[in-house]
C-alpha atoms as a PDB file:
ATOM      1  CA  MET A   1      -0.040   0.050  -0.015  1.00  0.00           C
ATOM      2  CA  THR A   2       1.343   3.396  -0.962  1.00  0.00           C
ATOM      3  CA  LYS A   3       1.576   5.839   1.964  1.00  0.00           C
ATOM      4  CA  VAL A   4       0.211   9.291   0.970  1.00  0.00           C
ATOM      5  CA  THR A   5       1.526  12.426   2.740  1.00  0.00           C
ATOM      6  CA  THR A   6       0.659  15.923   2.488  1.00  0.00           C
ATOM      7  CA  ARG A   7       3.724  18.487   2.405  1.00  0.00           C
ATOM      8  CA  LEU A   8       3.334  22.027   2.519  1.00  0.00           C
ATOM      9  CA  GLY A   9       5.572  23.830   0.299  1.00  0.00           C
ATOM     10  CA  ASN A  10       7.441  26.784   1.231  1.00  0.00           C
ATOM     11  CA  GLN A  11       4.836  29.481  -0.126  1.00  0.00           C
ATOM     12  CA  ASP A  12       2.165  27.344   2.109  1.00  0.00           C
ATOM     13  CA  ILE A  13       4.250  27.925   5.087  1.00  0.00           C
ATOM     14  CA  VAL A  14       4.788  31.616   4.354  1.00  0.00           C
ATOM     15  CA  ASN A  15       0.900  32.201   3.916  1.00  0.00           C
ATOM     16  CA  LEU A  16      -0.094  30.094   7.196  1.00  0.00           C
ATOM     17  CA  ALA A  17       2.611  32.248   9.074  1.00  0.00           C
ATOM     18  CA  ARG A  18       1.122  35.463   7.726  1.00  0.00           C
ATOM     19  CA  GLN A  19      -2.442  34.520   8.405  1.00  0.00           C
ATOM     20  CA  ARG A  20      -1.563  33.632  12.042  1.00  0.00           C
ATOM     21  CA  PHE A  21       0.522  36.632  12.307  1.00  0.00           C
ATOM     22  CA  GLU A  22      -2.523  38.861  11.116  1.00  0.00           C
ATOM     23  CA  SER A  23      -4.866  36.984  13.349  1.00  0.00           C
ATOM     24  CA  GLN A  24      -2.810  37.838  16.232  1.00  0.00           C
ATOM     25  CA  GLN A  25      -2.493  41.288  15.304  1.00  0.00           C
ATOM     26  CA  ARG A  26      -6.078  41.835  14.807  1.00  0.00           C
ATOM     27  CA  SER A  27      -6.853  40.424  18.253  1.00  0.00           C
ATOM     28  CA  LYS A  28      -4.986  43.218  19.759  1.00  0.00           C
ATOM     29  CA  LEU A  29      -7.227  45.733  18.255  1.00  0.00           C
ATOM     30  CA  PRO A  30      -9.963  47.470  20.786  1.00  0.00           C
ATOM     31  CA  THR A  31     -13.281  45.943  19.925  1.00  0.00           C
ATOM     32  CA  VAL A  32     -17.077  46.412  20.809  1.00  0.00           C
ATOM     33  CA  ILE A  33     -19.883  44.273  21.151  1.00  0.00           C
ATOM     34  CA  VAL A  34     -22.710  45.147  19.145  1.00  0.00           C
ATOM     35  CA  SER A  35     -26.280  44.351  19.312  1.00  0.00           C
ATOM     36  CA  LEU A  36     -28.207  43.442  16.076  1.00  0.00           C
ATOM     37  CA  PRO A  37     -31.531  45.122  14.945  1.00  0.00           C
ATOM     38  CA  SER A  38     -33.050  41.621  14.505  1.00  0.00           C
ATOM     39  CA  GLY A  39     -32.248  40.536  18.001  1.00  0.00           C
ATOM     40  CA  GLY A  40     -30.456  37.292  16.170  1.00  0.00           C
ATOM     41  CA  LYS A  41     -34.105  35.786  16.141  1.00  0.00           C
ATOM     42  CA  ILE A  42     -34.063  35.709  12.328  1.00  0.00           C
ATOM     43  CA  TYR A  43     -31.029  33.155  12.538  1.00  0.00           C
ATOM     44  CA  PRO A  44     -31.148  29.482  12.995  1.00  0.00           C
ATOM     45  CA  GLU A  45     -30.286  28.385  16.592  1.00  0.00           C
ATOM     46  CA  SER A  46     -26.894  27.016  15.441  1.00  0.00           C
ATOM     47  CA  HIS A  47     -25.904  30.112  13.935  1.00  0.00           C
ATOM     48  CA  PRO A  48     -23.282  32.572  15.586  1.00  0.00           C
ATOM     49  CA  LEU A  49     -25.659  35.587  15.466  1.00  0.00           C
ATOM     50  CA  ARG A  50     -28.502  33.958  17.177  1.00  0.00           C
ATOM     51  CA  SER A  51     -27.247  35.489  20.286  1.00  0.00           C
ATOM     52  CA  GLY A  52     -28.127  38.930  18.986  1.00  0.00           C
ATOM     53  CA  LYS A  53     -24.817  40.167  19.184  1.00  0.00           C
ATOM     54  CA  ILE A  54     -21.397  40.622  17.185  1.00  0.00           C
ATOM     55  CA  ASP A  55     -17.916  41.464  17.934  1.00  0.00           C
ATOM     56  CA  MET A  56     -16.232  43.893  15.787  1.00  0.00           C
ATOM     57  CA  HIS A  57     -13.128  46.067  16.047  1.00  0.00           C
ATOM     58  CA  TYR A  58     -12.505  49.759  15.674  1.00  0.00           C
ATOM     59  CA  LEU A  59     -11.768  50.914  12.104  1.00  0.00           C
ATOM     60  CA  THR A  60      -8.127  51.444  11.206  1.00  0.00           C
ATOM     61  CA  ALA A  61      -6.164  53.440   8.421  1.00  0.00           C
ATOM     62  CA  TYR A  62      -5.829  50.095   6.579  1.00  0.00           C
ATOM     63  CA  ASP A  63      -9.826  49.862   6.667  1.00  0.00           C
ATOM     64  CA  GLU A  64     -10.044  53.475   5.281  1.00  0.00           C
ATOM     65  CA  ASP A  65      -8.546  52.157   1.973  1.00  0.00           C
ATOM     66  CA  ILE A  66     -11.776  49.914   1.716  1.00  0.00           C
ATOM     67  CA  LEU A  67     -13.924  53.097   1.901  1.00  0.00           C
ATOM     68  CA  THR A  68     -12.051  54.887  -0.846  1.00  0.00           C
ATOM     69  CA  ASN A  69     -11.703  51.928  -3.121  1.00  0.00           C
ATOM     70  CA  ILE A  70     -13.464  53.160  -6.492  1.00  0.00           C
ATOM     71  CA  SER A  71     -14.019  49.669  -7.504  1.00  0.00           C
ATOM     72  CA  TYR A  72     -15.854  48.712  -4.384  1.00  0.00           C
ATOM     73  CA  ILE A  73     -18.041  51.806  -4.782  1.00  0.00           C
ATOM     74  CA  LYS A  74     -19.155  51.101  -8.284  1.00  0.00           C
ATOM     75  CA  GLU A  75     -19.514  47.423  -7.464  1.00  0.00           C
ATOM     76  CA  GLY A  76     -21.947  48.095  -4.415  1.00  0.00           C
ATOM     77  CA  VAL A  77     -19.703  46.026  -2.076  1.00  0.00           C
ATOM     78  CA  MET A  78     -18.047  48.639  -0.297  1.00  0.00           C
ATOM     79  CA  PHE A  79     -20.075  47.989   2.962  1.00  0.00           C
ATOM     80  CA  ASP A  80     -19.612  44.255   2.678  1.00  0.00           C
ATOM     81  CA  ARG A  81     -15.941  44.530   2.375  1.00  0.00           C
ATOM     82  CA  LEU A  82     -15.702  46.934   5.303  1.00  0.00           C
ATOM     83  CA  LEU A  83     -17.586  44.509   7.502  1.00  0.00           C
ATOM     84  CA  ASP A  84     -15.341  41.511   6.293  1.00  0.00           C
ATOM     85  CA  SER A  85     -12.505  43.306   7.610  1.00  0.00           C
ATOM     86  CA  ILE A  86     -13.693  44.681  11.004  1.00  0.00           C
ATOM     87  CA  ILE A  87     -15.966  41.888  12.168  1.00  0.00           C
ATOM     88  CA  MET A  88     -14.230  39.606  14.629  1.00  0.00           C
ATOM     89  CA  THR A  89     -16.962  36.997  15.215  1.00  0.00           C
ATOM     90  CA  ASP A  90     -16.417  33.956  13.138  1.00  0.00           C
ATOM     91  CA  VAL A  91     -19.299  34.552  10.562  1.00  0.00           C
ATOM     92  CA  ASN A  92     -19.556  34.888   6.790  1.00  0.00           C
ATOM     93  CA  VAL A  93     -20.701  38.626   5.856  1.00  0.00           C
ATOM     94  CA  ALA A  94     -22.827  36.990   3.090  1.00  0.00           C
ATOM     95  CA  ASP A  95     -25.120  35.149   5.726  1.00  0.00           C
ATOM     96  CA  ILE A  96     -25.678  38.429   7.635  1.00  0.00           C
ATOM     97  CA  ALA A  97     -29.199  40.080   7.072  1.00  0.00           C
ATOM     98  CA  SER A  98     -29.356  43.274   5.435  1.00  0.00           C
ATOM     99  CA  VAL A  99     -31.105  44.747   8.257  1.00  0.00           C
ATOM    100  CA  ASP A 100     -28.319  43.861  10.624  1.00  0.00           C
ATOM    101  CA  LYS A 101     -25.826  45.059   8.173  1.00  0.00           C
ATOM    102  CA  ASP A 102     -27.174  48.399   8.200  1.00  0.00           C
ATOM    103  CA  GLY A 103     -26.815  48.341  12.111  1.00  0.00           C
ATOM    104  CA  LEU A 104     -23.376  47.388  12.043  1.00  0.00           C
ATOM    105  CA  ILE A 105     -22.386  49.907   9.417  1.00  0.00           C
ATOM    106  CA  ILE A 106     -24.010  52.598  11.551  1.00  0.00           C
ATOM    107  CA  HIS A 107     -21.825  51.432  14.580  1.00  0.00           C
ATOM    108  CA  ALA A 108     -18.778  51.394  12.624  1.00  0.00           C
ATOM    109  CA  ARG A 109     -19.204  54.891  11.470  1.00  0.00           C
ATOM    110  CA  ILE A 110     -19.886  56.091  15.158  1.00  0.00           C
ATOM    111  CA  LEU A 111     -16.747  54.254  16.426  1.00  0.00           C
ATOM    112  CA  ALA A 112     -14.599  55.574  13.434  1.00  0.00           C
ATOM    113  CA  TYR A 113     -15.648  59.334  13.104  1.00  0.00           C
ATOM    114  CA  GLY A 114     -18.470  60.125  15.739  1.00  0.00           C
ATOM    115  CA  SER A 115     -22.077  60.218  15.552  1.00  0.00           C
ATOM    116  CA  ASP A 116     -22.796  63.451  13.818  1.00  0.00           C
ATOM    117  CA  TYR A 117     -23.947  62.810  10.073  1.00  0.00           C
ATOM    118  CA  PRO A 118     -24.858  65.873   7.868  1.00  0.00           C
ATOM    119  CA  VAL A 119     -27.926  65.236   5.646  1.00  0.00           C
ATOM    120  CA  HIS A 120     -30.492  67.279   3.587  1.00  0.00           C
ATOM    121  CA  VAL A 121     -34.155  67.202   4.314  1.00  0.00           C
ATOM    122  CA  THR A 122     -37.134  69.005   2.958  1.00  0.00           C
ATOM    123  CA  ASP A 123     -38.979  71.345   5.492  1.00  0.00           C
ATOM    124  CA  PRO A 124     -42.808  70.485   4.987  1.00  0.00           C
ATOM    125  CA  GLU A 125     -43.786  74.074   5.594  1.00  0.00           C
ATOM    126  CA  THR A 126     -41.478  75.962   3.191  1.00  0.00           C
ATOM    127  CA  LYS A 127     -40.618  73.181   0.866  1.00  0.00           C
ATOM    128  CA  LYS A 128     -37.087  74.257   0.890  1.00  0.00           C
ATOM    129  CA  GLU A 129     -34.137  71.820   1.251  1.00  0.00           C
ATOM    130  CA  LEU A 130     -32.383  72.134   4.500  1.00  0.00           C
ATOM    131  CA  GLN A 131     -28.955  71.022   5.531  1.00  0.00           C
ATOM    132  CA  ARG A 132     -29.206  69.524   8.960  1.00  0.00           C
ATOM    133  CA  SER A 133     -27.266  66.887  11.286  1.00  0.00           C
ATOM    134  CA  VAL A 134     -28.409  63.608  12.684  1.00  0.00           C
ATOM    135  CA  ASP A 135     -26.974  62.077  15.757  1.00  0.00           C
ATOM    136  CA  LEU A 136     -26.679  58.654  14.750  1.00  0.00           C
ATOM    137  CA  SER A 137     -26.073  57.521  18.374  1.00  0.00           C
ATOM    138  CA  GLN A 138     -29.696  58.367  19.002  1.00  0.00           C
ATOM    139  CA  LEU A 139     -31.207  55.997  16.139  1.00  0.00           C
ATOM    140  CA  SER A 140     -33.332  53.235  17.391  1.00  0.00           C
ATOM    141  CA  TYR A 141     -34.335  49.837  16.171  1.00  0.00           C
ATOM    142  CA  LEU A 142     -37.808  49.167  14.937  1.00  0.00           C
ATOM    143  CA  PRO A 143     -39.901  46.740  17.405  1.00  0.00           C
ATOM    144  CA  PHE A 144     -39.479  43.372  16.380  1.00  0.00           C
ATOM    145  CA  GLU A 145     -42.125  40.892  18.231  1.00  0.00           C
ATOM    146  CA  LEU A 146     -42.301  37.807  15.981  1.00  0.00           C
ATOM    147  CA  GLU A 147     -40.902  34.742  17.429  1.00  0.00           C
ATOM    148  CA  SER A 148     -39.086  32.255  15.095  1.00  0.00           C
ATOM    149  CA  ASP A 149     -38.499  28.457  15.111  1.00  0.00           C
ATOM    150  CA  GLU A 150     -35.159  26.617  15.301  1.00  0.00           C
ATOM    151  CA  ASN A 151     -34.378  27.565  11.989  1.00  0.00           C
ATOM    152  CA  GLY A 152     -35.032  31.391  12.390  1.00  0.00           C
ATOM    153  CA  GLU A 153     -38.035  31.068  10.316  1.00  0.00           C
ATOM    154  CA  PHE A 154     -41.627  32.599  10.983  1.00  0.00           C
ATOM    155  CA  THR A 155     -45.148  30.973  10.190  1.00  0.00           C
ATOM    156  CA  TYR A 156     -47.847  32.656   8.373  1.00  0.00           C
ATOM    157  CA  GLU A 157     -51.400  31.023   7.657  1.00  0.00           C
ATOM    158  CA  VAL A 158     -53.563  31.734   4.664  1.00  0.00           C
ATOM    159  CA  ALA A 159     -56.631  29.960   3.096  1.00  0.00           C
ATOM    160  CA  ASN A 160     -55.825  26.641   5.205  1.00  0.00           C
ATOM    161  CA  ARG A 161     -52.059  26.712   4.183  1.00  0.00           C
ATOM    162  CA  VAL A 162     -49.077  27.210   6.304  1.00  0.00           C
ATOM    163  CA  ILE A 163     -46.289  29.376   5.070  1.00  0.00           C
ATOM    164  CA  LYS A 164     -42.761  29.354   6.705  1.00  0.00           C
ATOM    165  CA  PHE A 165     -40.857  32.454   5.784  1.00  0.00           C
ATOM    166  CA  SER A 166     -37.343  34.143   6.424  1.00  0.00           C
ATOM    167  CA  TYR A 167     -35.815  37.562   6.655  1.00  0.00           C
ATOM    168  CA  LEU A 168     -32.627  36.206   5.321  1.00  0.00           C
ATOM    169  CA  GLY A 169     -31.465  35.959   2.080  1.00  0.00           C
ATOM    170  CA  ARG A 170     -30.843  38.308  -0.907  1.00  0.00           C
ATOM    171  CA  ASP A 171     -31.976  41.744  -1.300  1.00  0.00           C
ATOM    172  CA  THR A 172     -35.326  41.800  -2.793  1.00  0.00           C
ATOM    173  CA  SER A 173     -35.640  45.511  -3.717  1.00  0.00           C
ATOM    174  CA  ASN A 174     -35.118  44.992  -7.528  1.00  0.00           C
ATOM    175  CA  MET A 175     -37.124  41.648  -7.754  1.00  0.00           C
ATOM    176  CA  THR A 176     -40.530  41.064  -9.287  1.00  0.00           C
ATOM    177  CA  ILE A 177     -43.264  40.150  -6.682  1.00  0.00           C
ATOM    178  CA  SER A 178     -43.155  36.487  -7.566  1.00  0.00           C
ATOM    179  CA  GLU A 179     -39.205  36.561  -7.436  1.00  0.00           C
ATOM    180  CA  THR A 180     -39.476  38.323  -4.057  1.00  0.00           C
ATOM    181  CA  LEU A 181     -42.021  35.538  -2.753  1.00  0.00           C
ATOM    182  CA  LYS A 182     -39.808  32.785  -3.958  1.00  0.00           C
ATOM    183  CA  THR A 183     -36.841  34.289  -2.123  1.00  0.00           C
ATOM    184  CA  ILE A 184     -38.587  34.711   1.335  1.00  0.00           C
ATOM    185  CA  ILE A 185     -40.665  31.661   1.566  1.00  0.00           C
ATOM    186  CA  CYS A 186     -39.013  28.745   2.581  1.00  0.00           C
ATOM    187  CA  GLN A 187     -41.798  26.206   3.017  1.00  0.00           C
ATOM    188  CA  VAL A 188     -45.473  25.845   2.201  1.00  0.00           C
ATOM    189  CA  ASP A 189     -47.316  23.133   4.402  1.00  0.00           C
ATOM    190  CA  ASP A 190     -44.672  20.284   4.396  1.00  0.00           C
ATOM    191  CA  SER A 191     -42.806  21.096   1.318  1.00  0.00           C
ATOM    192  CA  ARG A 192     -39.537  22.901   1.088  1.00  0.00           C
ATOM    193  CA  THR A 193     -38.894  22.243  -2.525  1.00  0.00           C
ATOM    194  CA  PRO A 194     -38.487  25.076  -4.925  1.00  0.00           C
ATOM    195  CA  GLU A 195     -40.508  23.503  -7.449  1.00  0.00           C
ATOM    196  CA  GLN A 196     -43.626  23.104  -5.132  1.00  0.00           C
ATOM    197  CA  ILE A 197     -43.029  26.537  -3.639  1.00  0.00           C
ATOM    198  CA  ASP A 198     -42.932  28.030  -7.141  1.00  0.00           C
ATOM    199  CA  GLU A 199     -46.137  25.993  -8.076  1.00  0.00           C
ATOM    200  CA  PHE A 200     -47.826  27.380  -5.134  1.00  0.00           C
ATOM    201  CA  ILE A 201     -46.916  30.963  -6.035  1.00  0.00           C
ATOM    202  CA  ARG A 202     -47.818  30.532  -9.571  1.00  0.00           C
ATOM    203  CA  TYR A 203     -51.313  28.611  -9.216  1.00  0.00           C
ATOM    204  CA  GLU A 204     -52.445  28.729  -5.594  1.00  0.00           C
ATOM    205  CA  PHE A 205     -51.447  32.041  -3.949  1.00  0.00           C
ATOM    206  CA  LEU A 206     -54.292  34.379  -5.105  1.00  0.00           C
ATOM    207  CA  ALA A 207     -53.261  38.093  -5.465  1.00  0.00           C
ATOM    208  CA  ARG A 208     -55.239  39.638  -2.764  1.00  0.00           C
ATOM    209  CA  ASP A 209     -53.739  36.835  -0.143  1.00  0.00           C
ATOM    210  CA  ALA A 210     -50.010  37.557  -1.466  1.00  0.00           C
ATOM    211  CA  LYS A 211     -50.528  41.335  -1.206  1.00  0.00           C
ATOM    212  CA  GLU A 212     -51.657  40.851   2.474  1.00  0.00           C
ATOM    213  CA  PHE A 213     -48.607  38.444   3.187  1.00  0.00           C
ATOM    214  CA  ARG A 214     -46.201  40.919   1.829  1.00  0.00           C
ATOM    215  CA  LYS A 215     -47.791  43.731   4.066  1.00  0.00           C
ATOM    216  CA  PHE A 216     -47.576  41.428   6.965  1.00  0.00           C
ATOM    217  CA  TYR A 217     -43.826  40.635   6.146  1.00  0.00           C
ATOM    218  CA  ALA A 218     -42.970  44.460   5.617  1.00  0.00           C
ATOM    219  CA  ASP A 219     -44.847  45.518   8.608  1.00  0.00           C
ATOM    220  CA  ASN A 220     -43.071  43.131  10.942  1.00  0.00           C
ATOM    221  CA  ALA A 221     -39.628  43.212   9.671  1.00  0.00           C
ATOM    222  CA  PRO A 222     -36.738  44.154  11.972  1.00  0.00           C
ATOM    223  CA  GLY A 223     -34.915  47.378  10.923  1.00  0.00           C
ATOM    224  CA  LEU A 224     -33.467  50.798  11.886  1.00  0.00           C
ATOM    225  CA  ASP A 225     -36.004  53.585  12.436  1.00  0.00           C
ATOM    226  CA  LEU A 226     -34.681  56.197   9.997  1.00  0.00           C
ATOM    227  CA  THR A 227     -36.747  59.064  11.148  1.00  0.00           C
ATOM    228  CA  TYR A 228     -35.471  62.032  13.019  1.00  0.00           C
ATOM    229  CA  GLU A 229     -36.654  65.152  14.350  1.00  0.00           C
ATOM    230  CA  PHE A 230     -35.319  68.289  12.497  1.00  0.00           C
ATOM    231  CA  GLU A 231     -35.380  71.926  13.298  1.00  0.00           C
ATOM    232  CA  GLY A 232     -37.340  73.859  10.558  1.00  0.00           C
ATOM    233  CA  GLU A 233     -36.822  77.372   9.132  1.00  0.00           C
ATOM    234  CA  ASP A 234     -39.405  78.737  11.322  1.00  0.00           C
ATOM    235  CA  GLY A 235     -37.679  77.381  14.595  1.00  0.00           C
ATOM    236  CA  GLY A 236     -40.281  74.670  14.920  1.00  0.00           C
ATOM    237  CA  THR A 237     -39.598  70.988  14.314  1.00  0.00           C
ATOM    238  CA  PHE A 238     -40.701  68.209  11.936  1.00  0.00           C
ATOM    239  CA  LYS A 239     -40.113  64.704  11.536  1.00  0.00           C
ATOM    240  CA  ALA A 240     -38.627  63.250   8.326  1.00  0.00           C
ATOM    241  CA  GLY A 241     -36.941  60.328   6.952  1.00  0.00           C
ATOM    242  CA  PHE A 242     -33.502  60.270   5.661  1.00  0.00           C
ATOM    243  CA  ARG A 243     -31.153  57.761   3.585  1.00  0.00           C
ATOM    244  CA  LEU A 244     -27.788  56.309   4.456  1.00  0.00           C
ATOM    245  CA  GLY A 245     -25.579  56.429   1.347  1.00  0.00           C
ATOM    246  CA  THR A 246     -21.875  55.697   0.523  1.00  0.00           C
ATOM    247  CA  ASP A 247     -21.239  59.080   1.804  1.00  0.00           C
ATOM    248  CA  LEU A 248     -21.772  57.827   5.392  1.00  0.00           C
ATOM    249  CA  PHE A 249     -18.087  57.775   5.881  1.00  0.00           C
ATOM    250  CA  TRP A 250     -16.998  60.911   3.879  1.00  0.00           C
ATOM    251  CA  PHE A 251     -17.098  64.532   5.175  1.00  0.00           C
END
């Protein structure tokens, strides 16, 4: 019998040594434990984020390179690359829900440059665009009261059918209605096969019922409350929403 041995080449040894060194250096960086907007309830019980918390380190000058990388910005992956760099918890960034990524990015911005974020909002009385500032540390999470099962999934009943759905998965903002449903629905009755879920959506899920389900899904979704009280031109105050863009880390 031939004995098979695995030998590491010189470059493999160098790469392992570099990885070990980088891991040791990263462990010296100051870190902070951040609570997730979802509370971790949207993840399976076996997932490291089920606890509702994640550990990440403060940004360094090296991480700023990510924020100024034109290629990352154009491809829309800048924030994912940043999270991949600063998260210390052993988790794949691709497995983190979008809502939780938003919360982590906000915390990263506060830790790096402070909580003051300039925005433009429209005064509802004068209809003029105003330049104001948001204190990011004062943002709150939307209430999330749904209870998940061991898979991090939730139950919805319609027309004597039981649907299991998830808040994990791809961004559905640019999807059609049917594509969105196929992305968020994990199970119909006892079936989890994509083919049978597709058949249910195509032939059995009536439009009015699908609309009610989408409303329930949106109304109960975890998230950041991106509304803020601003001072108007007349000295009064008004509440308005604002958006977070790639300029979040720029001045």
